[in-house]
Amino acid sequence: MGMCFPCPAESAPPSPNLEEKRAKLAEAAERRQKEAASRGILDVQSVEEKRKKKEKIEKQMATSGPPPAGGLRWTVS
C-alpha cells in the first residue's frame, strides 16, 4: 500500500532516464513561460523600459559605493 520499499525478492522499479527527466523539465519550463507570457502583459514595451530603468539604478547604486557618512539627521524634541 502506498509508497513503500520494494520487497527483497522483487526488483526495484526502473528509475527514469536522466535525459527523459531533463526533457520533461524543459517542456514544463517552456509551458510555464508561455503561460506567463499569455497571462496578460498588456504593454510589453513599458515593462521592458521599467526593467531597464531598474537595472540602471541598481548598477549605479553598486558602482557609487556606500552613501556619505553625514546624511539626514533626525532630532527628537
C-alpha atoms as a PDB file:
ATOM      1  CA  MET A   1       0.000   0.000   0.000  1.00  0.00           C
ATOM      2  CA  GLY A   2       1.229   3.482  -0.724  1.00  0.00           C
ATOM      3  CA  MET A   3       4.840   4.241  -1.413  1.00  0.00           C
ATOM      4  CA  CYS A   4       6.994   1.647   0.259  1.00  0.00           C
ATOM      5  CA  PHE A   5      10.293  -0.020  -0.441  1.00  0.00           C
ATOM      6  CA  PRO A   6      10.161  -2.977  -2.825  1.00  0.00           C
ATOM      7  CA  CYS A   7      10.217  -6.427  -1.336  1.00  0.00           C
ATOM      8  CA  PRO A   8      13.672  -8.027  -1.349  1.00  0.00           C
ATOM      9  CA  ALA A   9      12.511 -10.665  -3.824  1.00  0.00           C
ATOM     10  CA  GLU A  10      11.135  -8.086  -6.261  1.00  0.00           C
ATOM     11  CA  SER A  11      13.267  -5.885  -8.440  1.00  0.00           C
ATOM     12  CA  ALA A  12      13.169  -2.131  -7.904  1.00  0.00           C
ATOM     13  CA  PRO A  13      11.091  -0.099 -10.360  1.00  0.00           C
ATOM     14  CA  PRO A  14      13.197   1.393 -13.135  1.00  0.00           C
ATOM     15  CA  SER A  15      14.463   4.881 -12.381  1.00  0.00           C
ATOM     16  CA  PRO A  16      13.691   7.491 -15.041  1.00  0.00           C
ATOM     17  CA  ASN A  17      16.405   8.160 -17.578  1.00  0.00           C
ATOM     18  CA  LEU A  18      18.206  11.444 -16.865  1.00  0.00           C
ATOM     19  CA  GLU A  19      17.725  12.677 -20.423  1.00  0.00           C
ATOM     20  CA  GLU A  20      13.995  11.932 -20.261  1.00  0.00           C
ATOM     21  CA  LYS A  21      13.781  13.741 -16.938  1.00  0.00           C
ATOM     22  CA  ARG A  22      15.627  16.784 -18.324  1.00  0.00           C
ATOM     23  CA  ALA A  23      13.379  16.840 -21.388  1.00  0.00           C
ATOM     24  CA  LYS A  24      10.263  16.778 -19.205  1.00  0.00           C
ATOM     25  CA  LEU A  25      11.623  19.582 -17.023  1.00  0.00           C
ATOM     26  CA  ALA A  26      12.481  21.655 -20.109  1.00  0.00           C
ATOM     27  CA  GLU A  27       8.996  21.142 -21.532  1.00  0.00           C
ATOM     28  CA  ALA A  28       7.426  22.171 -18.234  1.00  0.00           C
ATOM     29  CA  ALA A  29       9.598  25.301 -18.087  1.00  0.00           C
ATOM     30  CA  GLU A  30       8.619  26.260 -21.642  1.00  0.00           C
ATOM     31  CA  ARG A  31       4.970  25.699 -20.816  1.00  0.00           C
ATOM     32  CA  ARG A  32       5.236  27.954 -17.737  1.00  0.00           C
ATOM     33  CA  GLN A  33       6.934  30.666 -19.788  1.00  0.00           C
ATOM     34  CA  LYS A  34       4.216  30.531 -22.442  1.00  0.00           C
ATOM     35  CA  GLU A  35       1.502  30.699 -19.779  1.00  0.00           C
ATOM     36  CA  ALA A  36       3.191  33.663 -18.110  1.00  0.00           C
ATOM     37  CA  ALA A  37       3.577  35.418 -21.452  1.00  0.00           C
ATOM     38  CA  SER A  38      -0.064  34.880 -22.343  1.00  0.00           C
ATOM     39  CA  ARG A  39      -1.299  35.819 -18.878  1.00  0.00           C
ATOM     40  CA  GLY A  40      -1.774  39.396 -19.855  1.00  0.00           C
ATOM     41  CA  ILE A  41       1.129  41.792 -20.067  1.00  0.00           C
ATOM     42  CA  LEU A  42      -0.703  44.462 -21.972  1.00  0.00           C
ATOM     43  CA  ASP A  43       2.165  46.829 -22.651  1.00  0.00           C
ATOM     44  CA  VAL A  44       5.314  44.784 -23.191  1.00  0.00           C
ATOM     45  CA  GLN A  45       7.328  47.879 -24.102  1.00  0.00           C
ATOM     46  CA  SER A  46       6.634  49.672 -20.797  1.00  0.00           C
ATOM     47  CA  VAL A  47       7.516  46.542 -18.840  1.00  0.00           C
ATOM     48  CA  GLU A  48      10.820  46.343 -20.712  1.00  0.00           C
ATOM     49  CA  GLU A  49      11.515  50.040 -20.055  1.00  0.00           C
ATOM     50  CA  LYS A  50      10.826  49.622 -16.329  1.00  0.00           C
ATOM     51  CA  ARG A  51      13.139  46.615 -16.177  1.00  0.00           C
ATOM     52  CA  LYS A  52      15.943  48.521 -17.907  1.00  0.00           C
ATOM     53  CA  LYS A  53      15.458  51.530 -15.629  1.00  0.00           C
ATOM     54  CA  LYS A  54      15.580  49.305 -12.543  1.00  0.00           C
ATOM     55  CA  GLU A  55      18.765  47.606 -13.786  1.00  0.00           C
ATOM     56  CA  LYS A  56      20.340  51.021 -14.471  1.00  0.00           C
ATOM     57  CA  ILE A  57      19.519  52.261 -10.959  1.00  0.00           C
ATOM     58  CA  GLU A  58      20.857  49.053  -9.374  1.00  0.00           C
ATOM     59  CA  LYS A  59      24.060  49.353 -11.404  1.00  0.00           C
ATOM     60  CA  GLN A  60      24.513  52.993 -10.351  1.00  0.00           C
ATOM     61  CA  MET A  61      23.997  52.087  -6.700  1.00  0.00           C
ATOM     62  CA  ALA A  62      26.515  49.257  -6.954  1.00  0.00           C
ATOM     63  CA  THR A  63      29.187  51.432  -8.592  1.00  0.00           C
ATOM     64  CA  SER A  64      28.653  54.548  -6.447  1.00  0.00           C
ATOM     65  CA  GLY A  65      29.646  52.827  -3.209  1.00  0.00           C
ATOM     66  CA  PRO A  66      28.216  53.461   0.252  1.00  0.00           C
ATOM     67  CA  PRO A  67      26.306  56.676   0.991  1.00  0.00           C
ATOM     68  CA  PRO A  68      28.169  59.556   2.664  1.00  0.00           C
ATOM     69  CA  ALA A  69      28.593  59.391   6.436  1.00  0.00           C
ATOM     70  CA  GLY A  70      26.574  62.554   7.228  1.00  0.00           C
ATOM     71  CA  GLY A  71      23.180  62.065   5.706  1.00  0.00           C
ATOM     72  CA  LEU A  72      19.963  63.320   7.225  1.00  0.00           C
ATOM     73  CA  ARG A  73      19.719  63.521  10.972  1.00  0.00           C
ATOM     74  CA  TRP A  74      16.556  63.341  12.967  1.00  0.00           C
ATOM     75  CA  THR A  75      16.224  65.239  16.202  1.00  0.00           C
ATOM     76  CA  VAL A  76      13.698  64.258  18.805  1.00  0.00           C
ATOM     77  CA  SER A  77      12.274  67.101  20.872  1.00  0.00           C
END
